Structure formats: structure tokens, C-alpha cells
């Protein structure tokens, strides 16, 4: 997983598989990203994420709840079709701001 700041955006990039084995670490990383800069937007770039289970999904739900409590923007981008369907089936695509790509997200900042 990579995290880097492109002011005023903090980008978190999970890689590989996001599951019960590493979801707690991922949630901690998201919490740190949200708390590190209260004026920052957090973008989770899922381009390199191969799969995600319910534990990974719950880490994202926990993070968006924290971001919303702090009035921070929290967005996702570059979801593969197999991961996007998880959001659609759970109707979380209505909760999360989801972009096709990082450039599509960045276009909303201008």
C-alpha cells in the first residue's frame, strides 16, 4: 500500500488483495490519512487492487464515516468491474463518490 500527499489531496493506493488479513492495517492507514491533514481531500486510488472482501469494504465505510464527521471529502477512483459490482450490490455506490480514474477526480478540483 502506498500513501502520498499531493496538497491538498492525500492519495491512498491499496494493492493486491484487501481482505480480513490486512483490512485492519488498511483502516489504520486511512484513519491516519484523514487525521493527518484536516483540510485535505482523501482519494483512494484502487487501480492496483485485485480483490476486496467485506472486511476491506468495512474499512472503507469506517473511513468515510470519519471523513464525513470531519467535513472532509473522501473519494474512490479506478475501481475494477469486479470491485465496482460490490459497491453496486451493497448500494454503497450511492454513499461513496466514485470516479472512473484519477484524472476524472482531478478534473473536479479545477
PDB file of N, CA and C in Angstrom:
ATOM      1  N   UNK A   1       0.836  -1.167   0.000  1.00  0.00           N
ATOM      2  CA  UNK A   1       0.000   0.000   0.000  1.00  0.00           C
ATOM      3  C   UNK A   1       0.885   1.235   0.000  1.00  0.00           C
ATOM      4  N   UNK A   2       0.464   2.237  -0.747  1.00  0.00           N
ATOM      5  CA  UNK A   2       1.209   3.482  -0.791  1.00  0.00           C
ATOM      6  C   UNK A   2       0.294   4.608  -0.362  1.00  0.00           C
ATOM      7  N   UNK A   3       0.871   5.562   0.350  1.00  0.00           N
ATOM      8  CA  UNK A   3       0.163   6.779   0.700  1.00  0.00           C
ATOM      9  C   UNK A   3       1.083   7.940   0.403  1.00  0.00           C
ATOM     10  N   UNK A   4       0.566   8.939  -0.286  1.00  0.00           N
ATOM     11  CA  UNK A   4       1.351  10.125  -0.543  1.00  0.00           C
ATOM     12  C   UNK A   4       0.429  11.322  -0.635  1.00  0.00           C
ATOM     13  N   UNK A   5       1.003  12.505  -0.382  1.00  0.00           N
ATOM     14  CA  UNK A   5       0.220  13.732  -0.364  1.00  0.00           C
ATOM     15  C   UNK A   5       0.591  14.588  -1.556  1.00  0.00           C
ATOM     16  N   UNK A   6      -0.420  14.975  -2.304  1.00  0.00           N
ATOM     17  CA  UNK A   6      -0.284  15.964  -3.370  1.00  0.00           C
ATOM     18  C   UNK A   6      -1.234  17.073  -2.936  1.00  0.00           C
ATOM     19  N   UNK A   7      -0.681  18.015  -2.155  1.00  0.00           N
ATOM     20  CA  UNK A   7      -1.520  19.006  -1.494  1.00  0.00           C
ATOM     21  C   UNK A   7      -2.542  19.595  -2.446  1.00  0.00           C
ATOM     22  N   UNK A   8      -3.773  19.712  -2.077  1.00  0.00           N
ATOM     23  CA  UNK A   8      -4.429  19.336  -0.825  1.00  0.00           C
ATOM     24  C   UNK A   8      -5.081  17.959  -0.895  1.00  0.00           C
ATOM     25  N   UNK A   9      -4.452  17.019  -1.612  1.00  0.00           N
ATOM     26  CA  UNK A   9      -5.015  15.675  -1.762  1.00  0.00           C
ATOM     27  C   UNK A   9      -4.076  14.659  -1.121  1.00  0.00           C
ATOM     28  N   UNK A  10      -4.638  13.774  -0.321  1.00  0.00           N
ATOM     29  CA  UNK A  10      -3.889  12.629   0.190  1.00  0.00           C
ATOM     30  C   UNK A  10      -4.392  11.413  -0.578  1.00  0.00           C
ATOM     31  N   UNK A  11      -3.477  10.737  -1.275  1.00  0.00           N
ATOM     32  CA  UNK A  11      -3.832   9.575  -2.084  1.00  0.00           C
ATOM     33  C   UNK A  11      -3.379   8.308  -1.372  1.00  0.00           C
ATOM     34  N   UNK A  12      -4.312   7.376  -1.229  1.00  0.00           N
ATOM     35  CA  UNK A  12      -4.011   6.066  -0.654  1.00  0.00           C
ATOM     36  C   UNK A  12      -4.216   5.047  -1.770  1.00  0.00           C
ATOM     37  N   UNK A  13      -3.218   4.200  -1.996  1.00  0.00           N
ATOM     38  CA  UNK A  13      -3.279   3.216  -3.077  1.00  0.00           C
ATOM     39  C   UNK A  13      -3.121   1.802  -2.535  1.00  0.00           C
ATOM     40  N   UNK A  14      -4.226   1.138  -2.226  1.00  0.00           N
ATOM     41  CA  UNK A  14      -4.110  -0.269  -1.829  1.00  0.00           C
ATOM     42  C   UNK A  14      -3.689  -1.115  -3.025  1.00  0.00           C
ATOM     43  N   UNK A  15      -2.987  -2.194  -2.751  1.00  0.00           N
ATOM     44  CA  UNK A  15      -2.504  -3.056  -3.834  1.00  0.00           C
ATOM     45  C   UNK A  15      -2.794  -4.513  -3.515  1.00  0.00           C
ATOM     46  N   UNK A  16      -3.017  -5.276  -4.560  1.00  0.00           N
ATOM     47  CA  UNK A  16      -3.211  -6.710  -4.390  1.00  0.00           C
ATOM     48  C   UNK A  16      -4.596  -7.044  -3.884  1.00  0.00           C
ATOM     49  N   UNK A  17      -4.633  -7.673  -2.714  1.00  0.00           N
ATOM     50  CA  UNK A  17      -5.894  -8.148  -2.146  1.00  0.00           C
ATOM     51  C   UNK A  17      -6.172  -7.423  -0.837  1.00  0.00           C
ATOM     52  N   UNK A  18      -7.361  -6.903  -0.705  1.00  0.00           N
ATOM     53  CA  UNK A  18      -7.785  -6.234   0.519  1.00  0.00           C
ATOM     54  C   UNK A  18      -8.809  -7.145   1.182  1.00  0.00           C
ATOM     55  N   UNK A  19      -8.377  -7.786   2.284  1.00  0.00           N
ATOM     56  CA  UNK A  19      -9.235  -8.785   2.917  1.00  0.00           C
ATOM     57  C   UNK A  19      -9.034  -8.761   4.434  1.00  0.00           C
ATOM     58  N   UNK A  20      -9.606  -9.739   5.102  1.00  0.00           N
ATOM     59  CA  UNK A  20      -9.553  -9.792   6.562  1.00  0.00           C
ATOM     60  C   UNK A  20      -8.120  -9.799   7.095  1.00  0.00           C
ATOM     61  N   UNK A  21      -7.189 -10.287   6.319  1.00  0.00           N
ATOM     62  CA  UNK A  21      -5.795 -10.350   6.744  1.00  0.00           C
ATOM     63  C   UNK A  21      -5.176  -8.970   6.904  1.00  0.00           C
ATOM     64  N   UNK A  22      -5.525  -8.039   6.009  1.00  0.00           N
ATOM     65  CA  UNK A  22      -4.871  -6.730   6.042  1.00  0.00           C
ATOM     66  C   UNK A  22      -5.836  -5.549   6.180  1.00  0.00           C
ATOM     67  N   UNK A  23      -7.116  -5.809   6.391  1.00  0.00           N
ATOM     68  CA  UNK A  23      -8.107  -4.728   6.467  1.00  0.00           C
ATOM     69  C   UNK A  23      -7.881  -3.809   7.669  1.00  0.00           C
ATOM     70  N   UNK A  24      -7.445  -4.355   8.785  1.00  0.00           N
ATOM     71  CA  UNK A  24      -7.199  -3.523   9.972  1.00  0.00           C
ATOM     72  C   UNK A  24      -6.063  -2.547   9.706  1.00  0.00           C
ATOM     73  N   UNK A  25      -5.008  -3.023   9.081  1.00  0.00           N
ATOM     74  CA  UNK A  25      -3.887  -2.151   8.716  1.00  0.00           C
ATOM     75  C   UNK A  25      -4.349  -1.078   7.733  1.00  0.00           C
ATOM     76  N   UNK A  26      -5.169  -1.471   6.748  1.00  0.00           N
ATOM     77  CA  UNK A  26      -5.695  -0.531   5.757  1.00  0.00           C
ATOM     78  C   UNK A  26      -6.557   0.532   6.440  1.00  0.00           C
ATOM     79  N   UNK A  27      -7.421   0.107   7.361  1.00  0.00           N
ATOM     80  CA  UNK A  27      -8.272   1.065   8.073  1.00  0.00           C
ATOM     81  C   UNK A  27      -7.413   2.047   8.871  1.00  0.00           C
ATOM     82  N   UNK A  28      -6.351   1.555   9.492  1.00  0.00           N
ATOM     83  CA  UNK A  28      -5.439   2.432  10.241  1.00  0.00           C
ATOM     84  C   UNK A  28      -4.771   3.440   9.322  1.00  0.00           C
ATOM     85  N   UNK A  29      -4.384   2.989   8.142  1.00  0.00           N
ATOM     86  CA  UNK A  29      -3.747   3.887   7.177  1.00  0.00           C
ATOM     87  C   UNK A  29      -4.736   4.961   6.705  1.00  0.00           C
ATOM     88  N   UNK A  30      -5.967   4.565   6.457  1.00  0.00           N
ATOM     89  CA  UNK A  30      -6.986   5.535   6.053  1.00  0.00           C
ATOM     90  C   UNK A  30      -7.260   6.537   7.170  1.00  0.00           C
ATOM     91  N   UNK A  31      -7.359   6.053   8.401  1.00  0.00           N
ATOM     92  CA  UNK A  31      -7.592   6.938   9.549  1.00  0.00           C
ATOM     93  C   UNK A  31      -6.455   7.937   9.685  1.00  0.00           C
ATOM     94  N   UNK A  32      -5.230   7.473   9.539  1.00  0.00           N
ATOM     95  CA  UNK A  32      -4.063   8.358   9.620  1.00  0.00           C
ATOM     96  C   UNK A  32      -4.093   9.399   8.507  1.00  0.00           C
ATOM     97  N   UNK A  33      -4.476   8.981   7.301  1.00  0.00           N
ATOM     98  CA  UNK A  33      -4.547   9.909   6.168  1.00  0.00           C
ATOM     99  C   UNK A  33      -5.601  10.983   6.405  1.00  0.00           C
ATOM    100  N   UNK A  34      -6.727  10.589   6.974  1.00  0.00           N
ATOM    101  CA  UNK A  34      -7.804  11.543   7.245  1.00  0.00           C
ATOM    102  C   UNK A  34      -7.396  12.504   8.357  1.00  0.00           C
ATOM    103  N   UNK A  35      -6.784  11.987   9.401  1.00  0.00           N
ATOM    104  CA  UNK A  35      -6.420  12.816  10.553  1.00  0.00           C
ATOM    105  C   UNK A  35      -5.169  13.660  10.325  1.00  0.00           C
ATOM    106  N   UNK A  36      -4.331  13.278   9.379  1.00  0.00           N
ATOM    107  CA  UNK A  36      -3.054  13.971   9.161  1.00  0.00           C
ATOM    108  C   UNK A  36      -3.247  15.416   8.719  1.00  0.00           C
ATOM    109  N   UNK A  37      -4.217  15.637   7.866  1.00  0.00           N
ATOM    110  CA  UNK A  37      -4.438  16.981   7.349  1.00  0.00           C
ATOM    111  C   UNK A  37      -5.937  17.215   7.237  1.00  0.00           C
ATOM    112  N   UNK A  38      -6.526  17.891   8.216  1.00  0.00           N
ATOM    113  CA  UNK A  38      -7.977  18.073   8.223  1.00  0.00           C
ATOM    114  C   UNK A  38      -8.508  18.843   7.009  1.00  0.00           C
ATOM    115  N   UNK A  39      -7.646  19.569   6.324  1.00  0.00           N
ATOM    116  CA  UNK A  39      -8.077  20.333   5.151  1.00  0.00           C
ATOM    117  C   UNK A  39      -7.841  19.584   3.852  1.00  0.00           C
ATOM    118  N   UNK A  40      -7.362  18.374   3.952  1.00  0.00           N
ATOM    119  CA  UNK A  40      -7.019  17.586   2.772  1.00  0.00           C
ATOM    120  C   UNK A  40      -8.204  16.749   2.315  1.00  0.00           C
ATOM    121  N   UNK A  41      -8.242  16.492   1.036  1.00  0.00           N
ATOM    122  CA  UNK A  41      -9.176  15.532   0.454  1.00  0.00           C
ATOM    123  C   UNK A  41      -8.466  14.193   0.406  1.00  0.00           C
ATOM    124  N   UNK A  42      -9.155  13.125   0.751  1.00  0.00           N
ATOM    125  CA  UNK A  42      -8.567  11.790   0.685  1.00  0.00           C
ATOM    126  C   UNK A  42      -9.137  11.077  -0.531  1.00  0.00           C
ATOM    127  N   UNK A  43      -8.243  10.577  -1.372  1.00  0.00           N
ATOM    128  CA  UNK A  43      -8.611   9.815  -2.557  1.00  0.00           C
ATOM    129  C   UNK A  43      -8.016   8.423  -2.435  1.00  0.00           C
ATOM    130  N   UNK A  44      -8.861   7.411  -2.526  1.00  0.00           N
ATOM    131  CA  UNK A  44      -8.395   6.028  -2.524  1.00  0.00           C
ATOM    132  C   UNK A  44      -8.372   5.577  -3.978  1.00  0.00           C
ATOM    133  N   UNK A  45      -7.158   5.430  -4.509  1.00  0.00           N
ATOM    134  CA  UNK A  45      -6.956   5.012  -5.899  1.00  0.00           C
ATOM    135  C   UNK A  45      -6.835   3.490  -5.916  1.00  0.00           C
ATOM    136  N   UNK A  46      -7.842   2.828  -6.457  1.00  0.00           N
ATOM    137  CA  UNK A  46      -7.933   1.371  -6.394  1.00  0.00           C
ATOM    138  C   UNK A  46      -7.456   0.695  -7.682  1.00  0.00           C
ATOM    139  N   UNK A  47      -6.663   1.402  -8.457  1.00  0.00           N
ATOM    140  CA  UNK A  47      -6.197   0.875  -9.736  1.00  0.00           C
ATOM    141  C   UNK A  47      -5.429  -0.435  -9.595  1.00  0.00           C
ATOM    142  N   UNK A  48      -4.648  -0.585  -8.535  1.00  0.00           N
ATOM    143  CA  UNK A  48      -3.815  -1.774  -8.355  1.00  0.00           C
ATOM    144  C   UNK A  48      -4.424  -2.786  -7.382  1.00  0.00           C
ATOM    145  N   UNK A  49      -5.718  -2.638  -7.098  1.00  0.00           N
ATOM    146  CA  UNK A  49      -6.393  -3.552  -6.190  1.00  0.00           C
ATOM    147  C   UNK A  49      -7.045  -4.670  -6.991  1.00  0.00           C
ATOM    148  N   UNK A  50      -6.664  -5.905  -6.694  1.00  0.00           N
ATOM    149  CA  UNK A  50      -7.173  -7.062  -7.438  1.00  0.00           C
ATOM    150  C   UNK A  50      -8.491  -7.582  -6.893  1.00  0.00           C
ATOM    151  N   UNK A  51      -8.636  -7.574  -5.562  1.00  0.00           N
ATOM    152  CA  UNK A  51      -9.868  -8.093  -4.962  1.00  0.00           C
ATOM    153  C   UNK A  51     -10.080  -7.454  -3.604  1.00  0.00           C
ATOM    154  N   UNK A  52     -11.334  -7.526  -3.140  1.00  0.00           N
ATOM    155  CA  UNK A  52     -11.685  -6.945  -1.858  1.00  0.00           C
ATOM    156  C   UNK A  52     -12.826  -7.761  -1.263  1.00  0.00           C
ATOM    157  N   UNK A  53     -12.747  -8.035   0.039  1.00  0.00           N
ATOM    158  CA  UNK A  53     -13.837  -8.748   0.701  1.00  0.00           C
ATOM    159  C   UNK A  53     -14.580  -7.790   1.630  1.00  0.00           C
ATOM    160  N   UNK A  54     -15.487  -8.324   2.423  1.00  0.00           N
ATOM    161  CA  UNK A  54     -16.319  -7.485   3.280  1.00  0.00           C
ATOM    162  C   UNK A  54     -15.500  -6.728   4.321  1.00  0.00           C
ATOM    163  N   UNK A  55     -14.398  -7.297   4.775  1.00  0.00           N
ATOM    164  CA  UNK A  55     -13.553  -6.596   5.752  1.00  0.00           C
ATOM    165  C   UNK A  55     -12.934  -5.349   5.136  1.00  0.00           C
ATOM    166  N   UNK A  56     -12.510  -5.463   3.889  1.00  0.00           N
ATOM    167  CA  UNK A  56     -11.979  -4.300   3.182  1.00  0.00           C
ATOM    168  C   UNK A  56     -13.046  -3.248   2.965  1.00  0.00           C
ATOM    169  N   UNK A  57     -14.234  -3.696   2.627  1.00  0.00           N
ATOM    170  CA  UNK A  57     -15.355  -2.783   2.428  1.00  0.00           C
ATOM    171  C   UNK A  57     -15.686  -2.052   3.732  1.00  0.00           C
ATOM    172  N   UNK A  58     -15.667  -2.772   4.834  1.00  0.00           N
ATOM    173  CA  UNK A  58     -15.957  -2.146   6.127  1.00  0.00           C
ATOM    174  C   UNK A  58     -14.885  -1.125   6.517  1.00  0.00           C
ATOM    175  N   UNK A  59     -13.645  -1.367   6.130  1.00  0.00           N
ATOM    176  CA  UNK A  59     -12.586  -0.390   6.393  1.00  0.00           C
ATOM    177  C   UNK A  59     -12.885   0.915   5.655  1.00  0.00           C
ATOM    178  N   UNK A  60     -13.370   0.797   4.420  1.00  0.00           N
ATOM    179  CA  UNK A  60     -13.724   1.989   3.644  1.00  0.00           C
ATOM    180  C   UNK A  60     -14.939   2.700   4.243  1.00  0.00           C
ATOM    181  N   UNK A  61     -15.916   1.944   4.692  1.00  0.00           N
ATOM    182  CA  UNK A  61     -17.105   2.539   5.315  1.00  0.00           C
ATOM    183  C   UNK A  61     -16.712   3.282   6.595  1.00  0.00           C
ATOM    184  N   UNK A  62     -15.859   2.670   7.386  1.00  0.00           N
ATOM    185  CA  UNK A  62     -15.375   3.311   8.605  1.00  0.00           C
ATOM    186  C   UNK A  62     -14.655   4.620   8.274  1.00  0.00           C
ATOM    187  N   UNK A  63     -13.839   4.597   7.232  1.00  0.00           N
ATOM    188  CA  UNK A  63     -13.076   5.785   6.839  1.00  0.00           C
ATOM    189  C   UNK A  63     -13.981   6.901   6.329  1.00  0.00           C
ATOM    190  N   UNK A  64     -14.975   6.554   5.510  1.00  0.00           N
ATOM    191  CA  UNK A  64     -15.851   7.622   5.001  1.00  0.00           C
ATOM    192  C   UNK A  64     -16.669   8.223   6.133  1.00  0.00           C
ATOM    193  N   UNK A  65     -17.065   7.408   7.104  1.00  0.00           N
ATOM    194  CA  UNK A  65     -17.793   7.942   8.260  1.00  0.00           C
ATOM    195  C   UNK A  65     -16.930   8.938   9.030  1.00  0.00           C
ATOM    196  N   UNK A  66     -15.655   8.609   9.239  1.00  0.00           N
ATOM    197  CA  UNK A  66     -14.740   9.516   9.922  1.00  0.00           C
ATOM    198  C   UNK A  66     -14.557  10.802   9.110  1.00  0.00           C
ATOM    199  N   UNK A  67     -14.345  10.668   7.825  1.00  0.00           N
ATOM    200  CA  UNK A  67     -14.151  11.838   6.963  1.00  0.00           C
ATOM    201  C   UNK A  67     -15.388  12.740   6.987  1.00  0.00           C
ATOM    202  N   UNK A  68     -16.565  12.145   6.932  1.00  0.00           N
ATOM    203  CA  UNK A  68     -17.794  12.938   6.952  1.00  0.00           C
ATOM    204  C   UNK A  68     -17.966  13.672   8.277  1.00  0.00           C
ATOM    205  N   UNK A  69     -17.609  13.020   9.377  1.00  0.00           N
ATOM    206  CA  UNK A  69     -17.685  13.684  10.687  1.00  0.00           C
ATOM    207  C   UNK A  69     -16.761  14.897  10.742  1.00  0.00           C
ATOM    208  N   UNK A  70     -15.668  14.844   9.979  1.00  0.00           N
ATOM    209  CA  UNK A  70     -14.701  15.940   9.971  1.00  0.00           C
ATOM    210  C   UNK A  70     -14.904  16.869   8.775  1.00  0.00           C
ATOM    211  N   UNK A  71     -16.007  16.697   8.064  1.00  0.00           N
ATOM    212  CA  UNK A  71     -16.320  17.520   6.887  1.00  0.00           C
ATOM    213  C   UNK A  71     -15.214  17.477   5.842  1.00  0.00           C
ATOM    214  N   UNK A  72     -14.677  16.283   5.629  1.00  0.00           N
ATOM    215  CA  UNK A  72     -13.640  16.090   4.623  1.00  0.00           C
ATOM    216  C   UNK A  72     -14.200  15.337   3.432  1.00  0.00           C
ATOM    217  N   UNK A  73     -13.664  15.650   2.280  1.00  0.00           N
ATOM    218  CA  UNK A  73     -14.039  14.923   1.074  1.00  0.00           C
ATOM    219  C   UNK A  73     -13.276  13.604   1.047  1.00  0.00           C
ATOM    220  N   UNK A  74     -13.982  12.513   0.745  1.00  0.00           N
ATOM    221  CA  UNK A  74     -13.399  11.179   0.695  1.00  0.00           C
ATOM    222  C   UNK A  74     -13.926  10.517  -0.573  1.00  0.00           C
ATOM    223  N   UNK A  75     -13.030  10.199  -1.496  1.00  0.00           N
ATOM    224  CA  UNK A  75     -13.457   9.678  -2.800  1.00  0.00           C
ATOM    225  C   UNK A  75     -12.677   8.428  -3.176  1.00  0.00           C
ATOM    226  N   UNK A  76     -13.237   7.677  -4.105  1.00  0.00           N
ATOM    227  CA  UNK A  76     -12.605   6.480  -4.651  1.00  0.00           C
ATOM    228  C   UNK A  76     -12.443   6.663  -6.151  1.00  0.00           C
ATOM    229  N   UNK A  77     -11.420   6.029  -6.716  1.00  0.00           N
ATOM    230  CA  UNK A  77     -11.277   6.051  -8.168  1.00  0.00           C
ATOM    231  C   UNK A  77     -10.659   4.748  -8.665  1.00  0.00           C
ATOM    232  N   UNK A  78     -10.830   4.529  -9.945  1.00  0.00           N
ATOM    233  CA  UNK A  78     -10.204   3.419 -10.678  1.00  0.00           C
ATOM    234  C   UNK A  78     -10.600   2.048 -10.138  1.00  0.00           C
ATOM    235  N   UNK A  79     -11.878   1.842  -9.889  1.00  0.00           N
ATOM    236  CA  UNK A  79     -12.369   0.542  -9.434  1.00  0.00           C
ATOM    237  C   UNK A  79     -12.474  -0.412 -10.616  1.00  0.00           C
ATOM    238  N   UNK A  80     -12.007  -1.622 -10.435  1.00  0.00           N
ATOM    239  CA  UNK A  80     -12.178  -2.644 -11.473  1.00  0.00           C
ATOM    240  C   UNK A  80     -13.653  -3.030 -11.506  1.00  0.00           C
ATOM    241  N   UNK A  81     -14.112  -3.610 -12.613  1.00  0.00           N
ATOM    242  CA  UNK A  81     -15.526  -4.021 -12.678  1.00  0.00           C
ATOM    243  C   UNK A  81     -15.931  -4.973 -11.552  1.00  0.00           C
ATOM    244  N   UNK A  82     -15.039  -5.887 -11.159  1.00  0.00           N
ATOM    245  CA  UNK A  82     -15.394  -6.842 -10.101  1.00  0.00           C
ATOM    246  C   UNK A  82     -15.507  -6.177  -8.736  1.00  0.00           C
ATOM    247  N   UNK A  83     -14.772  -5.109  -8.515  1.00  0.00           N
ATOM    248  CA  UNK A  83     -14.882  -4.382  -7.246  1.00  0.00           C
ATOM    249  C   UNK A  83     -16.044  -3.400  -7.304  1.00  0.00           C
ATOM    250  N   UNK A  84     -16.261  -2.790  -8.442  1.00  0.00           N
ATOM    251  CA  UNK A  84     -17.384  -1.861  -8.590  1.00  0.00           C
ATOM    252  C   UNK A  84     -18.718  -2.564  -8.315  1.00  0.00           C
ATOM    253  N   UNK A  85     -18.838  -3.804  -8.754  1.00  0.00           N
ATOM    254  CA  UNK A  85     -20.095  -4.536  -8.550  1.00  0.00           C
ATOM    255  C   UNK A  85     -20.396  -4.723  -7.059  1.00  0.00           C
ATOM    256  N   UNK A  86     -19.366  -4.837  -6.240  1.00  0.00           N
ATOM    257  CA  UNK A  86     -19.557  -4.944  -4.788  1.00  0.00           C
ATOM    258  C   UNK A  86     -20.253  -3.687  -4.269  1.00  0.00           C
ATOM    259  N   UNK A  87     -19.807  -2.534  -4.735  1.00  0.00           N
ATOM    260  CA  UNK A  87     -20.403  -1.269  -4.312  1.00  0.00           C
ATOM    261  C   UNK A  87     -21.832  -1.140  -4.823  1.00  0.00           C
ATOM    262  N   UNK A  88     -22.081  -1.618  -6.029  1.00  0.00           N
ATOM    263  CA  UNK A  88     -23.421  -1.534  -6.594  1.00  0.00           C
ATOM    264  C   UNK A  88     -24.387  -2.481  -5.876  1.00  0.00           C
ATOM    265  N   UNK A  89     -23.946  -3.702  -5.600  1.00  0.00           N
ATOM    266  CA  UNK A  89     -24.812  -4.673  -4.932  1.00  0.00           C
ATOM    267  C   UNK A  89     -25.165  -4.253  -3.504  1.00  0.00           C
ATOM    268  N   UNK A  90     -24.238  -3.586  -2.839  1.00  0.00           N
ATOM    269  CA  UNK A  90     -24.474  -3.133  -1.467  1.00  0.00           C
ATOM    270  C   UNK A  90     -25.064  -1.722  -1.433  1.00  0.00           C
ATOM    271  N   UNK A  91     -25.251  -1.148  -2.596  1.00  0.00           N
ATOM    272  CA  UNK A  91     -25.753   0.218  -2.783  1.00  0.00           C
ATOM    273  C   UNK A  91     -24.833   1.263  -2.151  1.00  0.00           C
ATOM    274  N   UNK A  92     -23.591   0.894  -1.910  1.00  0.00           N
ATOM    275  CA  UNK A  92     -22.622   1.853  -1.398  1.00  0.00           C
ATOM    276  C   UNK A  92     -22.107   2.788  -2.490  1.00  0.00           C
ATOM    277  N   UNK A  93     -22.429   2.481  -3.735  1.00  0.00           N
ATOM    278  CA  UNK A  93     -22.088   3.414  -4.811  1.00  0.00           C
ATOM    279  C   UNK A  93     -22.884   4.711  -4.663  1.00  0.00           C
ATOM    280  N   UNK A  94     -23.924   4.699  -3.852  1.00  0.00           N
ATOM    281  CA  UNK A  94     -24.708   5.902  -3.566  1.00  0.00           C
ATOM    282  C   UNK A  94     -24.107   6.700  -2.416  1.00  0.00           C
ATOM    283  N   UNK A  95     -23.248   6.061  -1.641  1.00  0.00           N
ATOM    284  CA  UNK A  95     -22.636   6.693  -0.472  1.00  0.00           C
ATOM    285  C   UNK A  95     -21.276   7.289  -0.835  1.00  0.00           C
ATOM    286  N   UNK A  96     -20.499   6.537  -1.605  1.00  0.00           N
ATOM    287  CA  UNK A  96     -19.155   6.960  -1.971  1.00  0.00           C
ATOM    288  C   UNK A  96     -19.175   7.775  -3.262  1.00  0.00           C
ATOM    289  N   UNK A  97     -18.291   8.744  -3.314  1.00  0.00           N
ATOM    290  CA  UNK A  97     -18.047   9.487  -4.542  1.00  0.00           C
ATOM    291  C   UNK A  97     -17.017   8.665  -5.323  1.00  0.00           C
ATOM    292  N   UNK A  98     -17.438   8.102  -6.467  1.00  0.00           N
ATOM    293  CA  UNK A  98     -16.597   7.181  -7.226  1.00  0.00           C
ATOM    294  C   UNK A  98     -16.310   7.774  -8.600  1.00  0.00           C
ATOM    295  N   UNK A  99     -15.026   7.777  -8.967  1.00  0.00           N
ATOM    296  CA  UNK A  99     -14.593   8.303 -10.259  1.00  0.00           C
ATOM    297  C   UNK A  99     -13.953   7.202 -11.085  1.00  0.00           C
ATOM    298  N   UNK A 100     -14.091   7.307 -12.392  1.00  0.00           N
ATOM    299  CA  UNK A 100     -13.520   6.313 -13.309  1.00  0.00           C
ATOM    300  C   UNK A 100     -11.998   6.260 -13.225  1.00  0.00           C
ATOM    301  N   UNK A 101     -11.375   7.416 -13.009  1.00  0.00           N
ATOM    302  CA  UNK A 101      -9.911   7.489 -12.998  1.00  0.00           C
ATOM    303  C   UNK A 101      -9.462   8.629 -12.092  1.00  0.00           C
ATOM    304  N   UNK A 102      -8.173   8.669 -11.814  1.00  0.00           N
ATOM    305  CA  UNK A 102      -7.645   9.760 -11.013  1.00  0.00           C
ATOM    306  C   UNK A 102      -7.777  11.080 -11.753  1.00  0.00           C
ATOM    307  N   UNK A 103      -7.587  11.058 -13.064  1.00  0.00           N
ATOM    308  CA  UNK A 103      -7.716  12.300 -13.838  1.00  0.00           C
ATOM    309  C   UNK A 103      -9.157  12.814 -13.816  1.00  0.00           C
ATOM    310  N   UNK A 104     -10.141  11.918 -13.807  1.00  0.00           N
ATOM    311  CA  UNK A 104     -11.545  12.340 -13.703  1.00  0.00           C
ATOM    312  C   UNK A 104     -11.794  13.006 -12.353  1.00  0.00           C
ATOM    313  N   UNK A 105     -11.191  12.463 -11.293  1.00  0.00           N
ATOM    314  CA  UNK A 105     -11.299  13.082  -9.976  1.00  0.00           C
ATOM    315  C   UNK A 105     -10.642  14.449  -9.983  1.00  0.00           C
ATOM    316  N   UNK A 106      -9.412  14.538 -10.512  1.00  0.00           N
ATOM    317  CA  UNK A 106      -8.664  15.785 -10.509  1.00  0.00           C
ATOM    318  C   UNK A 106      -9.383  16.876 -11.299  1.00  0.00           C
ATOM    319  N   UNK A 107     -10.145  16.492 -12.308  1.00  0.00           N
ATOM    320  CA  UNK A 107     -10.895  17.464 -13.095  1.00  0.00           C
ATOM    321  C   UNK A 107     -11.949  18.178 -12.252  1.00  0.00           C
ATOM    322  N   UNK A 108     -12.409  17.536 -11.172  1.00  0.00           N
ATOM    323  CA  UNK A 108     -13.409  18.173 -10.307  1.00  0.00           C
ATOM    324  C   UNK A 108     -12.782  19.203  -9.376  1.00  0.00           C
ATOM    325  N   UNK A 109     -11.474  19.233  -9.293  1.00  0.00           N
ATOM    326  CA  UNK A 109     -10.793  20.151  -8.392  1.00  0.00           C
ATOM    327  C   UNK A 109     -10.549  21.517  -9.027  1.00  0.00           C
ATOM    328  N   UNK A 110     -10.708  21.583 -10.323  1.00  0.00           N
ATOM    329  CA  UNK A 110     -10.373  22.852 -11.026  1.00  0.00           C
ATOM    330  C   UNK A 110     -11.552  23.770 -11.106  1.00  0.00           C
TER     331      UNK A 110
END
